[in-house]
Amino acid sequence: MVIPQAVRDAIAAHSDAEKPNEACGLIALRDGVAERYLPARNAASSPYRFELEADPEVWMDLWDDGYEIAIFHSHLTSPPRPSRTDVENIGQWEGSPYVIYTVSSGEFGAWRIVGRTIEEEPLS
């Protein structure tokens, strides 16, 4: 997966704006390249977990237009890898790309979660 600097900057800006809570959103991918970031609302309003709240029409339109959708959320200080809570709450996004940004370090990580298995995705 490739996340260009403009998309990384949009993710970082949204994550900073949501502090002290986790931010979340959707990343539209075409052929493994992030074309845009769509901020969503963290309905949990929590620094420890997120509940993605985005209009279903947004991601359905992306799917209809041929995009793959990556789920994004931020961590304030912990490493950019899925937590036990992330794995337990993957739900309908199981198998989709899963991107995490750590606000304190500026690091990104990309994963896929299938069942209880976490697989790292190459990221550049």
PDB file of N, CA and C in Angstrom:
ATOM      1  N   MET A   1       0.845  -1.170   0.000  1.00  0.00           N
ATOM      2  CA  MET A   1       0.000   0.000   0.000  1.00  0.00           C
ATOM      3  C   MET A   1       0.894   1.238   0.000  1.00  0.00           C
ATOM      4  N   VAL A   2       0.495   2.208  -0.785  1.00  0.00           N
ATOM      5  CA  VAL A   2       1.219   3.471  -0.864  1.00  0.00           C
ATOM      6  C   VAL A   2       0.295   4.573  -0.349  1.00  0.00           C
ATOM      7  N   ILE A   3       0.790   5.350   0.599  1.00  0.00           N
ATOM      8  CA  ILE A   3       0.025   6.502   1.090  1.00  0.00           C
ATOM      9  C   ILE A   3       0.856   7.750   0.780  1.00  0.00           C
ATOM     10  N   PRO A   4       0.473   8.498  -0.265  1.00  0.00           N
ATOM     11  CA  PRO A   4       1.216   9.704  -0.628  1.00  0.00           C
ATOM     12  C   PRO A   4       1.210  10.738   0.497  1.00  0.00           C
ATOM     13  N   GLN A   5       2.176  11.646   0.436  1.00  0.00           N
ATOM     14  CA  GLN A   5       2.350  12.633   1.504  1.00  0.00           C
ATOM     15  C   GLN A   5       1.103  13.484   1.737  1.00  0.00           C
ATOM     16  N   ALA A   6       0.395  13.861   0.686  1.00  0.00           N
ATOM     17  CA  ALA A   6      -0.808  14.700   0.861  1.00  0.00           C
ATOM     18  C   ALA A   6      -1.869  13.967   1.692  1.00  0.00           C
ATOM     19  N   VAL A   7      -2.027  12.672   1.477  1.00  0.00           N
ATOM     20  CA  VAL A   7      -2.999  11.888   2.250  1.00  0.00           C
ATOM     21  C   VAL A   7      -2.494  11.727   3.681  1.00  0.00           C
ATOM     22  N   ARG A   8      -1.185  11.462   3.844  1.00  0.00           N
ATOM     23  CA  ARG A   8      -0.611  11.375   5.190  1.00  0.00           C
ATOM     24  C   ARG A   8      -0.823  12.679   5.957  1.00  0.00           C
ATOM     25  N   ASP A   9      -0.632  13.793   5.280  1.00  0.00           N
ATOM     26  CA  ASP A   9      -0.815  15.102   5.931  1.00  0.00           C
ATOM     27  C   ASP A   9      -2.262  15.308   6.372  1.00  0.00           C
ATOM     28  N   ALA A  10      -3.217  14.889   5.536  1.00  0.00           N
ATOM     29  CA  ALA A  10      -4.641  15.019   5.893  1.00  0.00           C
ATOM     30  C   ALA A  10      -4.975  14.158   7.111  1.00  0.00           C
ATOM     31  N   ILE A  11      -4.424  12.953   7.147  1.00  0.00           N
ATOM     32  CA  ILE A  11      -4.641  12.059   8.285  1.00  0.00           C
ATOM     33  C   ILE A  11      -4.032  12.650   9.555  1.00  0.00           C
ATOM     34  N   ALA A  12      -2.806  13.150   9.457  1.00  0.00           N
ATOM     35  CA  ALA A  12      -2.139  13.741  10.619  1.00  0.00           C
ATOM     36  C   ALA A  12      -2.906  14.962  11.128  1.00  0.00           C
ATOM     37  N   ALA A  13      -3.383  15.807  10.224  1.00  0.00           N
ATOM     38  CA  ALA A  13      -4.121  17.011  10.629  1.00  0.00           C
ATOM     39  C   ALA A  13      -5.417  16.622  11.346  1.00  0.00           C
ATOM     40  N   HIS A  14      -6.139  15.648  10.816  1.00  0.00           N
ATOM     41  CA  HIS A  14      -7.373  15.205  11.463  1.00  0.00           C
ATOM     42  C   HIS A  14      -7.071  14.606  12.838  1.00  0.00           C
ATOM     43  N   SER A  15      -6.012  13.800  12.920  1.00  0.00           N
ATOM     44  CA  SER A  15      -5.629  13.177  14.196  1.00  0.00           C
ATOM     45  C   SER A  15      -5.265  14.223  15.237  1.00  0.00           C
ATOM     46  N   ASP A  16      -4.527  15.236  14.827  1.00  0.00           N
ATOM     47  CA  ASP A  16      -4.174  16.326  15.758  1.00  0.00           C
ATOM     48  C   ASP A  16      -5.419  17.077  16.223  1.00  0.00           C
ATOM     49  N   ALA A  17      -6.342  17.312  15.305  1.00  0.00           N
ATOM     50  CA  ALA A  17      -7.562  18.053  15.640  1.00  0.00           C
ATOM     51  C   ALA A  17      -8.450  17.291  16.618  1.00  0.00           C
ATOM     52  N   GLU A  18      -8.393  15.966  16.600  1.00  0.00           N
ATOM     53  CA  GLU A  18      -9.256  15.150  17.457  1.00  0.00           C
ATOM     54  C   GLU A  18      -8.668  14.870  18.839  1.00  0.00           C
ATOM     55  N   LYS A  19      -7.393  15.220  19.056  1.00  0.00           N
ATOM     56  CA  LYS A  19      -6.790  14.972  20.374  1.00  0.00           C
ATOM     57  C   LYS A  19      -7.634  15.616  21.453  1.00  0.00           C
ATOM     58  N   PRO A  20      -7.836  15.012  22.577  1.00  0.00           N
ATOM     59  CA  PRO A  20      -7.157  13.838  23.108  1.00  0.00           C
ATOM     60  C   PRO A  20      -7.810  12.514  22.724  1.00  0.00           C
ATOM     61  N   ASN A  21      -8.753  12.514  21.772  1.00  0.00           N
ATOM     62  CA  ASN A  21      -9.415  11.278  21.379  1.00  0.00           C
ATOM     63  C   ASN A  21      -8.794  10.706  20.112  1.00  0.00           C
ATOM     64  N   GLU A  22      -9.057   9.441  19.863  1.00  0.00           N
ATOM     65  CA  GLU A  22      -8.632   8.823  18.619  1.00  0.00           C
ATOM     66  C   GLU A  22      -9.467   9.394  17.482  1.00  0.00           C
ATOM     67  N   ALA A  23      -8.824   9.576  16.342  1.00  0.00           N
ATOM     68  CA  ALA A  23      -9.512   9.973  15.119  1.00  0.00           C
ATOM     69  C   ALA A  23      -9.762   8.715  14.293  1.00  0.00           C
ATOM     70  N   CYS A  24     -10.699   8.797  13.355  1.00  0.00           N
ATOM     71  CA  CYS A  24     -10.942   7.664  12.467  1.00  0.00           C
ATOM     72  C   CYS A  24     -11.502   8.166  11.145  1.00  0.00           C
ATOM     73  N   GLY A  25     -11.404   7.317  10.143  1.00  0.00           N
ATOM     74  CA  GLY A  25     -11.903   7.681   8.827  1.00  0.00           C
ATOM     75  C   GLY A  25     -11.693   6.569   7.828  1.00  0.00           C
ATOM     76  N   LEU A  26     -11.891   6.904   6.574  1.00  0.00           N
ATOM     77  CA  LEU A  26     -11.776   5.960   5.465  1.00  0.00           C
ATOM     78  C   LEU A  26     -10.704   6.467   4.504  1.00  0.00           C
ATOM     79  N   ILE A  27      -9.971   5.536   3.919  1.00  0.00           N
ATOM     80  CA  ILE A  27      -8.976   5.872   2.913  1.00  0.00           C
ATOM     81  C   ILE A  27      -9.394   5.175   1.630  1.00  0.00           C
ATOM     82  N   ALA A  28      -9.547   5.950   0.554  1.00  0.00           N
ATOM     83  CA  ALA A  28      -9.930   5.398  -0.746  1.00  0.00           C
ATOM     84  C   ALA A  28      -8.664   4.971  -1.484  1.00  0.00           C
ATOM     85  N   LEU A  29      -8.588   3.666  -1.793  1.00  0.00           N
ATOM     86  CA  LEU A  29      -7.422   3.085  -2.472  1.00  0.00           C
ATOM     87  C   LEU A  29      -7.799   2.635  -3.871  1.00  0.00           C
ATOM     88  N   ARG A  30      -6.914   2.926  -4.804  1.00  0.00           N
ATOM     89  CA  ARG A  30      -7.055   2.378  -6.148  1.00  0.00           C
ATOM     90  C   ARG A  30      -5.720   1.748  -6.519  1.00  0.00           C
ATOM     91  N   ASP A  31      -5.762   0.457  -6.828  1.00  0.00           N
ATOM     92  CA  ASP A  31      -4.542  -0.288  -7.163  1.00  0.00           C
ATOM     93  C   ASP A  31      -3.483  -0.149  -6.073  1.00  0.00           C
ATOM     94  N   GLY A  32      -3.934  -0.150  -4.806  1.00  0.00           N
ATOM     95  CA  GLY A  32      -3.017  -0.093  -3.676  1.00  0.00           C
ATOM     96  C   GLY A  32      -2.465   1.274  -3.340  1.00  0.00           C
ATOM     97  N   VAL A  33      -2.943   2.311  -4.027  1.00  0.00           N
ATOM     98  CA  VAL A  33      -2.479   3.676  -3.773  1.00  0.00           C
ATOM     99  C   VAL A  33      -3.622   4.490  -3.172  1.00  0.00           C
ATOM    100  N   ALA A  34      -3.350   5.145  -2.040  1.00  0.00           N
ATOM    101  CA  ALA A  34      -4.358   5.984  -1.386  1.00  0.00           C
ATOM    102  C   ALA A  34      -4.564   7.253  -2.211  1.00  0.00           C
ATOM    103  N   GLU A  35      -5.790   7.447  -2.674  1.00  0.00           N
ATOM    104  CA  GLU A  35      -6.093   8.647  -3.455  1.00  0.00           C
ATOM    105  C   GLU A  35      -6.657   9.767  -2.598  1.00  0.00           C
ATOM    106  N   ARG A  36      -7.347   9.378  -1.509  1.00  0.00           N
ATOM    107  CA  ARG A  36      -7.893  10.430  -0.640  1.00  0.00           C
ATOM    108  C   ARG A  36      -8.275   9.863   0.711  1.00  0.00           C
ATOM    109  N   TYR A  37      -8.358  10.784   1.655  1.00  0.00           N
ATOM    110  CA  TYR A  37      -8.764  10.459   3.021  1.00  0.00           C
ATOM    111  C   TYR A  37     -10.102  11.119   3.291  1.00  0.00           C
ATOM    112  N   LEU A  38     -11.018  10.360   3.863  1.00  0.00           N
ATOM    113  CA  LEU A  38     -12.342  10.881   4.206  1.00  0.00           C
ATOM    114  C   LEU A  38     -12.509  10.797   5.715  1.00  0.00           C
ATOM    115  N   PRO A  39     -12.374  11.914   6.414  1.00  0.00           N
ATOM    116  CA  PRO A  39     -12.524  11.894   7.873  1.00  0.00           C
ATOM    117  C   PRO A  39     -13.918  11.418   8.268  1.00  0.00           C
ATOM    118  N   ALA A  40     -13.978  10.713   9.375  1.00  0.00           N
ATOM    119  CA  ALA A  40     -15.249  10.273   9.938  1.00  0.00           C
ATOM    120  C   ALA A  40     -15.300  10.722  11.394  1.00  0.00           C
ATOM    121  N   ARG A  41     -16.347  10.348  12.065  1.00  0.00           N
ATOM    122  CA  ARG A  41     -16.527  10.715  13.470  1.00  0.00           C
ATOM    123  C   ARG A  41     -16.254   9.500  14.339  1.00  0.00           C
ATOM    124  N   ASN A  42     -15.537   9.726  15.428  1.00  0.00           N
ATOM    125  CA  ASN A  42     -15.356   8.681  16.431  1.00  0.00           C
ATOM    126  C   ASN A  42     -16.518   8.793  17.408  1.00  0.00           C
ATOM    127  N   ALA A  43     -17.519   7.956  17.214  1.00  0.00           N
ATOM    128  CA  ALA A  43     -18.714   8.011  18.059  1.00  0.00           C
ATOM    129  C   ALA A  43     -18.400   7.666  19.516  1.00  0.00           C
ATOM    130  N   ALA A  44     -17.280   7.002  19.768  1.00  0.00           N
ATOM    131  CA  ALA A  44     -16.891   6.667  21.145  1.00  0.00           C
ATOM    132  C   ALA A  44     -16.295   7.859  21.868  1.00  0.00           C
ATOM    133  N   SER A  45     -15.820   8.860  21.132  1.00  0.00           N
ATOM    134  CA  SER A  45     -15.166  10.030  21.741  1.00  0.00           C
ATOM    135  C   SER A  45     -14.216   9.593  22.848  1.00  0.00           C
ATOM    136  N   SER A  46     -13.271   8.745  22.483  1.00  0.00           N
ATOM    137  CA  SER A  46     -12.386   8.123  23.466  1.00  0.00           C
ATOM    138  C   SER A  46     -10.933   8.168  23.015  1.00  0.00           C
ATOM    139  N   PRO A  47      -9.999   8.319  23.968  1.00  0.00           N
ATOM    140  CA  PRO A  47      -8.578   8.216  23.631  1.00  0.00           C
ATOM    141  C   PRO A  47      -8.096   6.770  23.560  1.00  0.00           C
ATOM    142  N   TYR A  48      -8.962   5.800  23.854  1.00  0.00           N
ATOM    143  CA  TYR A  48      -8.561   4.394  23.947  1.00  0.00           C
ATOM    144  C   TYR A  48      -9.194   3.488  22.903  1.00  0.00           C
ATOM    145  N   ARG A  49     -10.226   3.952  22.220  1.00  0.00           N
ATOM    146  CA  ARG A  49     -10.892   3.130  21.214  1.00  0.00           C
ATOM    147  C   ARG A  49     -11.663   4.047  20.267  1.00  0.00           C
ATOM    148  N   PHE A  50     -12.105   3.446  19.177  1.00  0.00           N
ATOM    149  CA  PHE A  50     -12.897   4.229  18.235  1.00  0.00           C
ATOM    150  C   PHE A  50     -14.102   3.429  17.767  1.00  0.00           C
ATOM    151  N   GLU A  51     -15.140   4.162  17.405  1.00  0.00           N
ATOM    152  CA  GLU A  51     -16.327   3.614  16.756  1.00  0.00           C
ATOM    153  C   GLU A  51     -16.550   4.464  15.517  1.00  0.00           C
ATOM    154  N   LEU A  52     -16.192   3.907  14.370  1.00  0.00           N
ATOM    155  CA  LEU A  52     -16.289   4.634  13.106  1.00  0.00           C
ATOM    156  C   LEU A  52     -17.738   4.976  12.799  1.00  0.00           C
ATOM    157  N   GLU A  53     -17.994   6.262  12.656  1.00  0.00           N
ATOM    158  CA  GLU A  53     -19.330   6.715  12.259  1.00  0.00           C
ATOM    159  C   GLU A  53     -19.175   7.500  10.959  1.00  0.00           C
ATOM    160  N   ALA A  54     -19.548   6.851   9.871  1.00  0.00           N
ATOM    161  CA  ALA A  54     -19.493   7.469   8.539  1.00  0.00           C
ATOM    162  C   ALA A  54     -20.766   7.077   7.803  1.00  0.00           C
ATOM    163  N   ASP A  55     -21.257   7.977   6.993  1.00  0.00           N
ATOM    164  CA  ASP A  55     -22.455   7.718   6.221  1.00  0.00           C
ATOM    165  C   ASP A  55     -22.222   6.494   5.337  1.00  0.00           C
ATOM    166  N   PRO A  56     -23.058   5.450   5.458  1.00  0.00           N
ATOM    167  CA  PRO A  56     -22.870   4.255   4.632  1.00  0.00           C
ATOM    168  C   PRO A  56     -22.852   4.549   3.128  1.00  0.00           C
ATOM    169  N   GLU A  57     -23.566   5.592   2.711  1.00  0.00           N
ATOM    170  CA  GLU A  57     -23.553   5.950   1.294  1.00  0.00           C
ATOM    171  C   GLU A  57     -22.156   6.334   0.827  1.00  0.00           C
ATOM    172  N   VAL A  58     -21.342   6.901   1.723  1.00  0.00           N
ATOM    173  CA  VAL A  58     -19.986   7.298   1.355  1.00  0.00           C
ATOM    174  C   VAL A  58     -19.187   6.071   0.954  1.00  0.00           C
ATOM    175  N   TRP A  59     -19.149   5.028   1.819  1.00  0.00           N
ATOM    176  CA  TRP A  59     -18.328   3.883   1.452  1.00  0.00           C
ATOM    177  C   TRP A  59     -18.979   3.039   0.363  1.00  0.00           C
ATOM    178  N   MET A  60     -20.294   3.030   0.279  1.00  0.00           N
ATOM    179  CA  MET A  60     -20.944   2.291  -0.812  1.00  0.00           C
ATOM    180  C   MET A  60     -20.633   2.940  -2.157  1.00  0.00           C
ATOM    181  N   ASP A  61     -20.641   4.285  -2.185  1.00  0.00           N
ATOM    182  CA  ASP A  61     -20.274   4.995  -3.421  1.00  0.00           C
ATOM    183  C   ASP A  61     -18.823   4.705  -3.802  1.00  0.00           C
ATOM    184  N   LEU A  62     -17.935   4.654  -2.817  1.00  0.00           N
ATOM    185  CA  LEU A  62     -16.538   4.327  -3.110  1.00  0.00           C
ATOM    186  C   LEU A  62     -16.432   2.923  -3.703  1.00  0.00           C
ATOM    187  N   TRP A  63     -17.103   1.949  -3.092  1.00  0.00           N
ATOM    188  CA  TRP A  63     -17.090   0.582  -3.619  1.00  0.00           C
ATOM    189  C   TRP A  63     -17.649   0.551  -5.043  1.00  0.00           C
ATOM    190  N   ASP A  64     -18.773   1.269  -5.250  1.00  0.00           N
ATOM    191  CA  ASP A  64     -19.376   1.306  -6.582  1.00  0.00           C
ATOM    192  C   ASP A  64     -18.431   1.902  -7.618  1.00  0.00           C
ATOM    193  N   ASP A  65     -17.587   2.840  -7.189  1.00  0.00           N
ATOM    194  CA  ASP A  65     -16.628   3.478  -8.095  1.00  0.00           C
ATOM    195  C   ASP A  65     -15.331   2.679  -8.235  1.00  0.00           C
ATOM    196  N   GLY A  66     -15.285   1.484  -7.634  1.00  0.00           N
ATOM    197  CA  GLY A  66     -14.142   0.604  -7.807  1.00  0.00           C
ATOM    198  C   GLY A  66     -13.008   0.791  -6.828  1.00  0.00           C
ATOM    199  N   TYR A  67     -13.226   1.562  -5.773  1.00  0.00           N
ATOM    200  CA  TYR A  67     -12.187   1.755  -4.760  1.00  0.00           C
ATOM    201  C   TYR A  67     -12.176   0.606  -3.760  1.00  0.00           C
ATOM    202  N   GLU A  68     -11.001   0.317  -3.252  1.00  0.00           N
ATOM    203  CA  GLU A  68     -10.878  -0.508  -2.059  1.00  0.00           C
ATOM    204  C   GLU A  68     -10.842   0.476  -0.898  1.00  0.00           C
ATOM    205  N   ILE A  69     -11.445   0.124   0.207  1.00  0.00           N
ATOM    206  CA  ILE A  69     -11.513   1.048   1.343  1.00  0.00           C
ATOM    207  C   ILE A  69     -10.654   0.523   2.477  1.00  0.00           C
ATOM    208  N   ALA A  70      -9.778   1.392   2.953  1.00  0.00           N
ATOM    209  CA  ALA A  70      -9.001   1.099   4.158  1.00  0.00           C
ATOM    210  C   ALA A  70      -9.641   1.839   5.322  1.00  0.00           C
ATOM    211  N   ILE A  71      -9.688   1.175   6.452  1.00  0.00           N
ATOM    212  CA  ILE A  71     -10.171   1.795   7.679  1.00  0.00           C
ATOM    213  C   ILE A  71      -8.967   2.435   8.356  1.00  0.00           C
ATOM    214  N   PHE A  72      -9.155   3.615   8.884  1.00  0.00           N
ATOM    215  CA  PHE A  72      -8.075   4.323   9.562  1.00  0.00           C
ATOM    216  C   PHE A  72      -8.505   4.695  10.973  1.00  0.00           C
ATOM    217  N   HIS A  73      -7.556   4.639  11.899  1.00  0.00           N
ATOM    218  CA  HIS A  73      -7.728   5.309  13.182  1.00  0.00           C
ATOM    219  C   HIS A  73      -6.357   5.653  13.752  1.00  0.00           C
ATOM    220  N   SER A  74      -6.369   6.563  14.692  1.00  0.00           N
ATOM    221  CA  SER A  74      -5.113   7.012  15.294  1.00  0.00           C
ATOM    222  C   SER A  74      -4.940   6.411  16.681  1.00  0.00           C
ATOM    223  N   HIS A  75      -3.687   6.325  17.073  1.00  0.00           N
ATOM    224  CA  HIS A  75      -3.306   6.054  18.457  1.00  0.00           C
ATOM    225  C   HIS A  75      -2.575   7.303  18.931  1.00  0.00           C
ATOM    226  N   LEU A  76      -2.786   7.673  20.158  1.00  0.00           N
ATOM    227  CA  LEU A  76      -2.117   8.870  20.662  1.00  0.00           C
ATOM    228  C   LEU A  76      -0.638   8.613  20.917  1.00  0.00           C
ATOM    229  N   THR A  77      -0.319   7.520  21.603  1.00  0.00           N
ATOM    230  CA  THR A  77       1.085   7.247  21.941  1.00  0.00           C
ATOM    231  C   THR A  77       1.517   5.814  21.671  1.00  0.00           C
ATOM    232  N   SER A  78       0.595   4.874  21.599  1.00  0.00           N
ATOM    233  CA  SER A  78       0.993   3.471  21.424  1.00  0.00           C
ATOM    234  C   SER A  78       1.403   3.217  19.974  1.00  0.00           C
ATOM    235  N   PRO A  79       2.197   2.182  19.747  1.00  0.00           N
ATOM    236  CA  PRO A  79       2.681   1.881  18.394  1.00  0.00           C
ATOM    237  C   PRO A  79       1.531   1.684  17.404  1.00  0.00           C
ATOM    238  N   PRO A  80       1.799   1.916  16.126  1.00  0.00           N
ATOM    239  CA  PRO A  80       0.746   1.803  15.113  1.00  0.00           C
ATOM    240  C   PRO A  80       0.478   0.364  14.694  1.00  0.00           C
ATOM    241  N   ARG A  81       0.044  -0.436  15.655  1.00  0.00           N
ATOM    242  CA  ARG A  81      -0.366  -1.807  15.360  1.00  0.00           C
ATOM    243  C   ARG A  81      -1.698  -2.057  16.069  1.00  0.00           C
ATOM    244  N   PRO A  82      -2.514  -2.961  15.522  1.00  0.00           N
ATOM    245  CA  PRO A  82      -3.838  -3.187  16.105  1.00  0.00           C
ATOM    246  C   PRO A  82      -3.765  -3.699  17.545  1.00  0.00           C
ATOM    247  N   SER A  83      -4.637  -3.166  18.359  1.00  0.00           N
ATOM    248  CA  SER A  83      -4.773  -3.609  19.741  1.00  0.00           C
ATOM    249  C   SER A  83      -5.742  -4.787  19.806  1.00  0.00           C
ATOM    250  N   ARG A  84      -5.828  -5.403  20.967  1.00  0.00           N
ATOM    251  CA  ARG A  84      -6.796  -6.484  21.170  1.00  0.00           C
ATOM    252  C   ARG A  84      -8.217  -5.969  20.906  1.00  0.00           C
ATOM    253  N   THR A  85      -8.510  -4.747  21.341  1.00  0.00           N
ATOM    254  CA  THR A  85      -9.826  -4.155  21.098  1.00  0.00           C
ATOM    255  C   THR A  85     -10.086  -4.006  19.603  1.00  0.00           C
ATOM    256  N   ASP A  86      -9.066  -3.583  18.842  1.00  0.00           N
ATOM    257  CA  ASP A  86      -9.225  -3.455  17.388  1.00  0.00           C
ATOM    258  C   ASP A  86      -9.598  -4.799  16.770  1.00  0.00           C
ATOM    259  N   VAL A  87      -8.916  -5.855  17.183  1.00  0.00           N
ATOM    260  CA  VAL A  87      -9.167  -7.191  16.642  1.00  0.00           C
ATOM    261  C   VAL A  87     -10.584  -7.645  17.013  1.00  0.00           C
ATOM    262  N   GLU A  88     -10.976  -7.430  18.249  1.00  0.00           N
ATOM    263  CA  GLU A  88     -12.298  -7.860  18.708  1.00  0.00           C
ATOM    264  C   GLU A  88     -13.432  -7.101  18.038  1.00  0.00           C
ATOM    265  N   ASN A  89     -13.173  -5.860  17.623  1.00  0.00           N
ATOM    266  CA  ASN A  89     -14.231  -5.011  17.065  1.00  0.00           C
ATOM    267  C   ASN A  89     -14.142  -4.829  15.553  1.00  0.00           C
ATOM    268  N   ILE A  90     -13.405  -5.695  14.851  1.00  0.00           N
ATOM    269  CA  ILE A  90     -13.191  -5.501  13.412  1.00  0.00           C
ATOM    270  C   ILE A  90     -14.487  -5.586  12.608  1.00  0.00           C
ATOM    271  N   GLY A  91     -15.417  -6.449  13.011  1.00  0.00           N
ATOM    272  CA  GLY A  91     -16.745  -6.513  12.393  1.00  0.00           C
ATOM    273  C   GLY A  91     -16.722  -6.600  10.880  1.00  0.00           C
ATOM    274  N   GLN A  92     -17.527  -5.759  10.242  1.00  0.00           N
ATOM    275  CA  GLN A  92     -17.698  -5.795   8.785  1.00  0.00           C
ATOM    276  C   GLN A  92     -16.433  -5.444   8.018  1.00  0.00           C
ATOM    277  N   TRP A  93     -15.430  -4.903   8.696  1.00  0.00           N
ATOM    278  CA  TRP A  93     -14.200  -4.492   8.017  1.00  0.00           C
ATOM    279  C   TRP A  93     -13.134  -5.584   8.028  1.00  0.00           C
ATOM    280  N   GLU A  94     -13.492  -6.770   8.499  1.00  0.00           N
ATOM    281  CA  GLU A  94     -12.537  -7.881   8.517  1.00  0.00           C
ATOM    282  C   GLU A  94     -11.975  -8.117   7.116  1.00  0.00           C
ATOM    283  N   GLY A  95     -10.657  -8.211   7.018  1.00  0.00           N
ATOM    284  CA  GLY A  95      -9.977  -8.444   5.754  1.00  0.00           C
ATOM    285  C   GLY A  95      -9.656  -7.195   4.967  1.00  0.00           C
ATOM    286  N   SER A  96     -10.248  -6.073   5.352  1.00  0.00           N
ATOM    287  CA  SER A  96      -9.952  -4.806   4.673  1.00  0.00           C
ATOM    288  C   SER A  96      -8.622  -4.249   5.170  1.00  0.00           C
ATOM    289  N   PRO A  97      -7.965  -3.423   4.356  1.00  0.00           N
ATOM    290  CA  PRO A  97      -6.762  -2.760   4.864  1.00  0.00           C
ATOM    291  C   PRO A  97      -7.113  -1.925   6.095  1.00  0.00           C
ATOM    292  N   TYR A  98      -6.191  -1.889   7.040  1.00  0.00           N
ATOM    293  CA  TYR A  98      -6.423  -1.258   8.337  1.00  0.00           C
ATOM    294  C   TYR A  98      -5.191  -0.419   8.649  1.00  0.00           C
ATOM    295  N   VAL A  99      -5.332   0.889   8.627  1.00  0.00           N
ATOM    296  CA  VAL A  99      -4.200   1.807   8.787  1.00  0.00           C
ATOM    297  C   VAL A  99      -4.283   2.482  10.147  1.00  0.00           C
ATOM    298  N   ILE A 100      -3.141   2.544  10.824  1.00  0.00           N
ATOM    299  CA  ILE A 100      -3.059   3.209  12.129  1.00  0.00           C
ATOM    300  C   ILE A 100      -1.934   4.231  12.079  1.00  0.00           C
ATOM    301  N   TYR A 101      -2.192   5.394  12.636  1.00  0.00           N
ATOM    302  CA  TYR A 101      -1.214   6.476  12.727  1.00  0.00           C
ATOM    303  C   TYR A 101      -1.002   6.798  14.199  1.00  0.00           C
ATOM    304  N   THR A 102       0.259   6.844  14.635  1.00  0.00           N
ATOM    305  CA  THR A 102       0.572   7.224  16.014  1.00  0.00           C
ATOM    306  C   THR A 102       0.915   8.706  16.045  1.00  0.00           C
ATOM    307  N   VAL A 103       0.094   9.474  16.734  1.00  0.00           N
ATOM    308  CA  VAL A 103       0.229  10.926  16.769  1.00  0.00           C
ATOM    309  C   VAL A 103       1.573  11.348  17.357  1.00  0.00           C
ATOM    310  N   SER A 104       1.984  10.743  18.460  1.00  0.00           N
ATOM    311  CA  SER A 104       3.199  11.184  19.155  1.00  0.00           C
ATOM    312  C   SER A 104       4.476  10.947  18.352  1.00  0.00           C
ATOM    313  N   SER A 105       4.510   9.927  17.515  1.00  0.00           N
ATOM    314  CA  SER A 105       5.724   9.602  16.763  1.00  0.00           C
ATOM    315  C   SER A 105       5.638   9.905  15.273  1.00  0.00           C
ATOM    316  N   GLY A 106       4.417  10.098  14.759  1.00  0.00           N
ATOM    317  CA  GLY A 106       4.243  10.322  13.326  1.00  0.00           C
ATOM    318  C   GLY A 106       4.377   9.055  12.499  1.00  0.00           C
ATOM    319  N   GLU A 107       4.343   7.887  13.148  1.00  0.00           N
ATOM    320  CA  GLU A 107       4.495   6.611  12.446  1.00  0.00           C
ATOM    321  C   GLU A 107       3.160   6.098  11.919  1.00  0.00           C
ATOM    322  N   PHE A 108       3.229   5.437  10.762  1.00  0.00           N
ATOM    323  CA  PHE A 108       2.078   4.763  10.181  1.00  0.00           C
ATOM    324  C   PHE A 108       2.328   3.265  10.166  1.00  0.00           C
ATOM    325  N   GLY A 109       1.267   2.483  10.266  1.00  0.00           N
ATOM    326  CA  GLY A 109       1.334   1.041  10.095  1.00  0.00           C
ATOM    327  C   GLY A 109       0.105   0.603   9.325  1.00  0.00           C
ATOM    328  N   ALA A 110       0.255  -0.469   8.537  1.00  0.00           N
ATOM    329  CA  ALA A 110      -0.877  -0.991   7.768  1.00  0.00           C
ATOM    330  C   ALA A 110      -0.991  -2.491   8.028  1.00  0.00           C
ATOM    331  N   TRP A 111      -2.222  -2.958   8.132  1.00  0.00           N
ATOM    332  CA  TRP A 111      -2.500  -4.331   8.554  1.00  0.00           C
ATOM    333  C   TRP A 111      -3.731  -4.855   7.856  1.00  0.00           C
ATOM    334  N   ARG A 112      -3.955  -6.152   7.982  1.00  0.00           N
ATOM    335  CA  ARG A 112      -5.228  -6.797   7.670  1.00  0.00           C
ATOM    336  C   ARG A 112      -5.531  -7.706   8.856  1.00  0.00           C
ATOM    337  N   ILE A 113      -6.770  -7.686   9.279  1.00  0.00           N
ATOM    338  CA  ILE A 113      -7.203  -8.519  10.401  1.00  0.00           C
ATOM    339  C   ILE A 113      -8.231  -9.508   9.866  1.00  0.00           C
ATOM    340  N   VAL A 114      -7.921 -10.787  10.007  1.00  0.00           N
ATOM    341  CA  VAL A 114      -8.839 -11.847   9.587  1.00  0.00           C
ATOM    342  C   VAL A 114      -8.939 -12.820  10.756  1.00  0.00           C
ATOM    343  N   GLY A 115     -10.148 -12.946  11.287  1.00  0.00           N
ATOM    344  CA  GLY A 115     -10.320 -13.741  12.496  1.00  0.00           C
ATOM    345  C   GLY A 115      -9.524 -13.078  13.613  1.00  0.00           C
ATOM    346  N   ARG A 116      -8.668 -13.818  14.237  1.00  0.00           N
ATOM    347  CA  ARG A 116      -7.794 -13.268  15.287  1.00  0.00           C
ATOM    348  C   ARG A 116      -6.373 -13.080  14.765  1.00  0.00           C
ATOM    349  N   THR A 117      -6.196 -13.221  13.445  1.00  0.00           N
ATOM    350  CA  THR A 117      -4.877 -13.108  12.843  1.00  0.00           C
ATOM    351  C   THR A 117      -4.644 -11.690  12.340  1.00  0.00           C
ATOM    352  N   ILE A 118      -3.503 -11.123  12.702  1.00  0.00           N
ATOM    353  CA  ILE A 118      -3.105  -9.789  12.267  1.00  0.00           C
ATOM    354  C   ILE A 118      -1.931  -9.964  11.306  1.00  0.00           C
ATOM    355  N   GLU A 119      -2.084  -9.472  10.077  1.00  0.00           N
ATOM    356  CA  GLU A 119      -1.016  -9.551   9.098  1.00  0.00           C
ATOM    357  C   GLU A 119      -0.591  -8.143   8.693  1.00  0.00           C
ATOM    358  N   GLU A 120       0.710  -7.884   8.770  1.00  0.00           N
ATOM    359  CA  GLU A 120       1.230  -6.569   8.377  1.00  0.00           C
ATOM    360  C   GLU A 120       1.194  -6.432   6.860  1.00  0.00           C
ATOM    361  N   GLU A 121       0.808  -5.264   6.407  1.00  0.00           N
ATOM    362  CA  GLU A 121       0.787  -4.925   4.990  1.00  0.00           C
ATOM    363  C   GLU A 121       2.006  -4.044   4.690  1.00  0.00           C
ATOM    364  N   PRO A 122       2.695  -4.303   3.585  1.00  0.00           N
ATOM    365  CA  PRO A 122       3.790  -3.398   3.209  1.00  0.00           C
ATOM    366  C   PRO A 122       3.229  -1.992   3.005  1.00  0.00           C
ATOM    367  N   LEU A 123       3.951  -0.994   3.466  1.00  0.00           N
ATOM    368  CA  LEU A 123       3.483   0.387   3.417  1.00  0.00           C
ATOM    369  C   LEU A 123       4.619   1.304   2.992  1.00  0.00           C
ATOM    370  N   SER A 124       4.336   2.139   2.005  1.00  0.00           N
ATOM    371  CA  SER A 124       5.330   3.130   1.590  1.00  0.00           C
ATOM    372  C   SER A 124       4.652   4.449   1.285  1.00  0.00           C
TER     373      SER A 124
END
